[in-house]
Amino acid sequence: MRVIVLSSGSKGNTTYVETETTRILIDIGNSCKYVKERLNELNIDPKSIDGILITHTHKDHIKGLEVFCKQYDTKVFCTEKMYKYINYIKNYEFIEKNHFEIGDFEIKVIKTSHDTEDSNGYIVSSNERSLVYITDTGYINQKYFDCLSNHEVYILESNHDIEMLNNGPYPYELRKRIYGDKGHLSNIDCSKYLANFIGDKTRCVMLAHLSEENNDPNIAYKTLKEKLESSNKCVENIIIAKQNEVTEFVEV
């Protein structure tokens, strides 16, 4: 299994995951043009995408969805509540169970807490390899801790530095939304969760959805490293996913 983040941040989020036989996108929050160009640069034919997993329907996660699906008729996997906001999609399948399959991927649904009608994170598994994808949530419910433990790859939101947010330009009501249980994970929140989840199998962590106004990649990285060291946890590869930049491919 290989994964690469094509873009991550408040202006657009798109991630690509593949095995030898199945290719999926998690969200398509950048323009269709951007996504096509990045895929083509990686020698991936956009027509070969087997499915698109939607986490939620905020613009930075579905911006390119309509045009991409019109061009390629790619099947979209979403909940019935999400579909109310993307009902222009003709080829779709409702997520009705906590587990389902796309080709040789097994997908487990992690319900997240965000200020939208419905939102999901996902555990994507194939051939005993797995990745966790969770962004845009105010917290992670403890009932998921066991199933979120000891995966090979984590793509987890590290949205803001609390001090930068407090001292930044955002008005109080917006800051209150970001802090809240239906907002976003801070660097500290993200680091605490990862220190809990990371296990012997973990090979890579990608810090995702960093705010360009209220975070700094160096601070996010330092916060995680210090928390992992104090928790006697170790991961060999930490990647900061950025807006409109492609990460390296991670293979497990």
Protein backbone atom coordinates (compact mmCIF):
# COMPACT_ATOMS: atom_id res chain seq x y z
CA MET A 1 0.00 0.00 0.00
CA ARG A 2 1.21 3.50 -0.89
CA VAL A 3 -0.14 6.89 0.16
CA ILE A 4 0.67 10.45 -0.84
CA VAL A 5 -0.95 13.70 0.25
CA LEU A 6 -1.53 15.94 -2.76
CA SER A 7 -2.54 18.97 -0.67
CA SER A 8 -3.51 19.63 2.94
CA GLY A 9 -4.70 22.79 4.62
CA SER A 10 -7.65 25.15 5.03
CA LYS A 11 -7.83 25.82 1.27
CA GLY A 12 -7.89 22.25 -0.02
CA ASN A 13 -7.35 18.64 1.05
CA THR A 14 -6.74 15.69 -1.27
CA THR A 15 -5.00 12.38 -0.53
CA TYR A 16 -4.26 9.45 -2.85
CA VAL A 17 -3.94 5.81 -1.71
CA GLU A 18 -3.15 2.78 -3.86
CA THR A 19 -2.42 -0.91 -3.93
CA GLU A 20 -1.41 -2.88 -7.01
CA THR A 21 -5.07 -3.22 -8.00
CA THR A 22 -7.06 -0.40 -6.35
CA ARG A 23 -6.73 3.38 -6.34
CA ILE A 24 -8.72 5.82 -4.23
CA LEU A 25 -8.81 9.48 -3.26
CA ILE A 26 -9.72 10.67 0.20
CA ASP A 27 -11.52 13.95 -0.44
CA ILE A 28 -10.98 16.15 -3.46
CA GLY A 29 -10.85 19.60 -1.92
CA ASN A 30 -8.62 21.18 -4.53
CA SER A 31 -9.68 22.15 -8.03
CA CYS A 32 -10.11 19.33 -10.51
CA LYS A 33 -7.33 20.91 -12.58
CA TYR A 34 -4.92 20.81 -9.63
CA VAL A 35 -5.72 17.19 -8.80
CA LYS A 36 -5.41 16.04 -12.42
CA GLU A 37 -2.08 17.80 -12.81
CA ARG A 38 -0.65 16.30 -9.61
CA LEU A 39 -1.86 12.80 -10.55
CA ASN A 40 -0.43 13.10 -14.04
CA GLU A 41 2.92 14.21 -12.61
CA LEU A 42 2.89 10.95 -10.63
CA ASN A 43 2.02 8.96 -13.79
CA ILE A 44 -1.43 8.16 -12.40
CA ASP A 45 -4.30 8.30 -14.86
CA PRO A 46 -7.24 10.12 -13.20
CA LYS A 47 -9.57 7.71 -15.04
CA SER A 48 -8.05 4.84 -13.04
CA ILE A 49 -9.35 6.08 -9.66
CA ASP A 50 -11.74 3.44 -8.31
CA GLY A 51 -13.45 5.58 -5.69
CA ILE A 52 -13.48 8.82 -3.73
CA LEU A 53 -14.01 8.73 0.04
CA ILE A 54 -15.62 11.88 1.42
CA THR A 55 -14.88 12.92 5.00
CA HIS A 56 -17.38 15.81 5.03
CA THR A 57 -18.81 18.43 2.72
CA HIS A 58 -16.96 21.63 3.61
CA LYS A 59 -15.57 23.31 0.50
CA ASP A 60 -11.92 22.55 1.29
CA HIS A 61 -12.77 18.83 1.03
CA ILE A 62 -15.09 18.74 -2.02
CA LYS A 63 -14.08 21.74 -4.17
CA GLY A 64 -13.05 19.67 -7.19
CA LEU A 65 -15.53 16.85 -6.71
CA GLU A 66 -18.26 17.88 -9.15
CA VAL A 67 -15.98 18.57 -12.12
CA PHE A 68 -13.81 15.50 -11.49
CA CYS A 69 -16.82 13.20 -11.34
CA LYS A 70 -18.37 14.74 -14.44
CA GLN A 71 -15.17 14.08 -16.36
CA TYR A 72 -14.44 10.58 -15.04
CA ASP A 73 -17.70 9.27 -13.50
CA THR A 74 -15.74 8.10 -10.44
CA LYS A 75 -17.84 6.46 -7.72
CA VAL A 76 -18.18 8.59 -4.58
CA PHE A 77 -18.55 7.00 -1.15
CA CYS A 78 -20.42 9.20 1.32
CA THR A 79 -23.16 9.08 3.91
CA GLU A 80 -26.78 9.87 3.11
CA LYS A 81 -26.50 13.06 5.16
CA MET A 82 -23.46 14.17 3.20
CA TYR A 83 -25.20 13.46 -0.10
CA LYS A 84 -27.77 16.20 0.52
CA TYR A 85 -24.95 18.68 -0.14
CA ILE A 86 -23.39 16.85 -3.11
CA ASN A 87 -26.51 15.57 -4.85
CA TYR A 88 -25.05 16.58 -8.21
CA ILE A 89 -23.08 13.32 -8.03
CA LYS A 90 -24.68 10.54 -10.12
CA ASN A 91 -22.34 7.64 -9.36
CA TYR A 92 -22.32 7.13 -5.61
CA GLU A 93 -22.68 4.60 -2.84
CA PHE A 94 -23.95 5.37 0.64
CA ILE A 95 -21.79 4.38 3.58
CA GLU A 96 -24.30 2.44 5.66
CA LYS A 97 -22.04 0.22 7.76
CA ASN A 98 -18.98 0.74 9.93
CA HIS A 99 -17.02 -1.50 7.53
CA PHE A 100 -17.14 -1.66 3.74
CA GLU A 101 -14.82 -2.41 0.82
CA ILE A 102 -13.47 -0.62 -2.23
CA GLY A 103 -11.60 -3.14 -4.36
CA ASP A 104 -9.01 -4.73 -2.09
CA PHE A 105 -9.28 -1.95 0.49
CA GLU A 106 -11.20 -2.57 3.68
CA ILE A 107 -12.53 0.70 5.07
CA LYS A 108 -13.49 1.23 8.72
CA VAL A 109 -15.47 4.36 9.59
CA ILE A 110 -14.45 6.59 12.50
CA LYS A 111 -17.14 9.15 13.31
CA THR A 112 -15.60 12.57 13.88
CA SER A 113 -16.94 15.73 15.53
CA HIS A 114 -17.04 18.79 13.30
CA ASP A 115 -19.42 21.67 12.64
CA THR A 116 -21.11 19.97 9.74
CA GLU A 117 -24.09 17.65 9.62
CA ASP A 118 -21.97 14.52 9.26
CA SER A 119 -18.24 13.79 9.18
CA ASN A 120 -16.01 10.73 9.07
CA GLY A 121 -12.44 9.67 9.52
CA TYR A 122 -11.26 6.37 8.04
CA ILE A 123 -8.98 3.42 8.66
CA VAL A 124 -7.91 2.10 5.26
CA SER A 125 -6.45 -1.44 5.26
CA SER A 126 -5.11 -3.91 2.71
CA ASN A 127 -2.95 -7.03 3.05
CA GLU A 128 -2.42 -6.47 6.78
CA ARG A 129 -1.20 -2.90 6.22
CA SER A 130 -3.25 0.09 7.32
CA LEU A 131 -3.44 3.84 7.57
CA VAL A 132 -5.53 6.15 9.73
CA TYR A 133 -6.94 9.34 8.21
CA ILE A 134 -8.54 11.82 10.61
CA THR A 135 -8.86 15.57 10.09
CA ASP A 136 -11.46 18.22 10.96
CA THR A 137 -12.56 17.08 14.38
CA GLY A 138 -12.71 18.69 17.79
CA TYR A 139 -11.82 15.44 19.52
CA ILE A 140 -11.50 11.70 18.95
CA ASN A 141 -13.97 9.57 20.85
CA GLN A 142 -12.28 7.21 23.31
CA LYS A 143 -14.41 4.31 22.09
CA TYR A 144 -12.20 4.24 18.98
CA PHE A 145 -8.86 4.18 20.79
CA ASP A 146 -8.36 0.42 20.57
CA CYS A 147 -9.05 0.21 16.84
CA LEU A 148 -6.89 3.29 16.19
CA SER A 149 -3.84 1.80 17.89
CA ASN A 150 -0.70 0.51 16.18
CA HIS A 151 -1.23 1.22 12.48
CA GLU A 152 1.56 1.68 9.95
CA VAL A 153 0.63 5.22 8.87
CA TYR A 154 -1.25 8.05 10.58
CA ILE A 155 -2.51 11.12 8.75
CA LEU A 156 -3.81 13.24 11.60
CA GLU A 157 -4.90 16.84 11.91
CA SER A 158 -2.51 19.20 13.70
CA ASN A 159 -4.42 22.35 12.87
CA HIS A 160 -3.26 25.12 15.17
CA ASP A 161 -0.86 26.24 17.84
CA ILE A 162 -2.96 27.47 20.76
CA GLU A 163 -0.74 30.45 21.52
CA MET A 164 -0.64 31.55 17.89
CA LEU A 165 -4.43 31.24 17.65
CA ASN A 166 -4.96 33.23 20.85
CA ASN A 167 -2.64 36.00 19.70
CA GLY A 168 -3.67 35.97 16.04
CA PRO A 169 -6.14 38.01 13.98
CA TYR A 170 -9.15 35.73 14.29
CA PRO A 171 -12.20 37.17 16.15
CA TYR A 172 -13.28 35.53 19.39
CA GLU A 173 -16.25 33.66 17.92
CA LEU A 174 -14.08 32.05 15.25
CA ARG A 175 -11.41 31.12 17.79
CA LYS A 176 -14.14 29.64 19.99
CA ARG A 177 -15.33 27.52 17.07
CA ILE A 178 -11.81 26.22 16.37
CA TYR A 179 -11.19 25.40 20.04
CA GLY A 180 -14.53 23.67 20.48
CA ASP A 181 -15.60 20.02 20.40
CA LYS A 182 -16.78 20.53 16.79
CA GLY A 183 -13.68 22.41 15.67
CA HIS A 184 -10.12 21.32 15.00
CA LEU A 185 -7.32 19.50 16.82
CA SER A 186 -4.45 21.63 18.10
CA ASN A 187 -0.81 20.56 17.91
CA ILE A 188 -1.06 19.51 21.55
CA ASP A 189 -4.25 17.50 20.97
CA CYS A 190 -2.77 15.77 17.95
CA SER A 191 0.43 14.90 19.80
CA LYS A 192 -1.46 13.46 22.77
CA TYR A 193 -3.54 11.23 20.52
CA LEU A 194 -0.53 10.04 18.52
CA ALA A 195 1.43 9.29 21.68
CA ASN A 196 -1.47 7.07 22.65
CA PHE A 197 -1.96 5.40 19.25
CA ILE A 198 1.56 4.85 17.89
CA GLY A 199 2.84 1.29 18.26
CA ASP A 200 5.58 -1.05 17.11
CA LYS A 201 4.13 -1.26 13.58
CA THR A 202 3.97 2.50 13.05
CA ARG A 203 6.32 3.70 10.30
CA CYS A 204 5.09 7.18 9.42
CA VAL A 205 3.08 10.10 10.76
CA MET A 206 1.81 12.86 8.50
CA LEU A 207 0.67 16.01 10.28
CA ALA A 208 -2.21 17.41 8.24
CA HIS A 209 -4.55 20.38 7.85
CA LEU A 210 -2.12 22.90 9.38
CA SER A 211 -3.51 26.41 9.51
CA GLU A 212 -1.46 28.89 7.52
CA GLU A 213 -2.46 31.69 9.92
CA ASN A 214 -2.39 29.94 13.28
CA ASN A 215 0.36 27.35 13.02
CA ASP A 216 3.96 26.84 12.02
CA PRO A 217 5.31 23.54 10.66
CA ASN A 218 8.34 23.75 12.97
CA ILE A 219 6.13 24.22 16.04
CA ALA A 220 3.86 21.32 15.03
CA TYR A 221 6.87 19.06 14.50
CA LYS A 222 8.54 20.10 17.78
CA THR A 223 5.33 19.61 19.76
CA LEU A 224 4.94 16.07 18.46
CA LYS A 225 8.60 15.12 18.94
CA GLU A 226 8.62 16.34 22.55
CA LYS A 227 5.40 14.50 23.36
CA LEU A 228 6.60 11.26 21.80
CA GLU A 229 9.94 11.45 23.63
CA SER A 230 8.24 12.08 26.98
CA SER A 231 5.93 9.11 26.29
CA ASN A 232 8.80 6.80 25.24
CA LYS A 233 7.32 6.48 21.77
CA CYS A 234 9.21 6.61 18.51
CA VAL A 235 8.35 6.87 14.82
CA GLU A 236 10.98 6.87 12.10
CA ASN A 237 9.30 9.25 9.64
CA ILE A 238 7.35 12.44 10.45
CA ILE A 239 6.07 14.42 7.48
CA ILE A 240 4.39 17.83 7.50
CA ALA A 241 1.70 17.92 4.82
CA LYS A 242 1.31 21.39 3.31
CA GLN A 243 -1.14 23.43 1.27
CA ASN A 244 -0.79 22.89 -2.49
CA GLU A 245 2.36 20.81 -2.06
CA VAL A 246 2.74 17.09 -2.70
CA THR A 247 4.40 14.97 0.01
CA GLU A 248 6.65 12.04 -0.71
CA PHE A 249 5.08 8.66 -1.35
CA VAL A 250 4.92 6.50 1.78
CA GLU A 251 4.91 2.76 1.17
CA VAL A 252 4.09 0.10 3.76
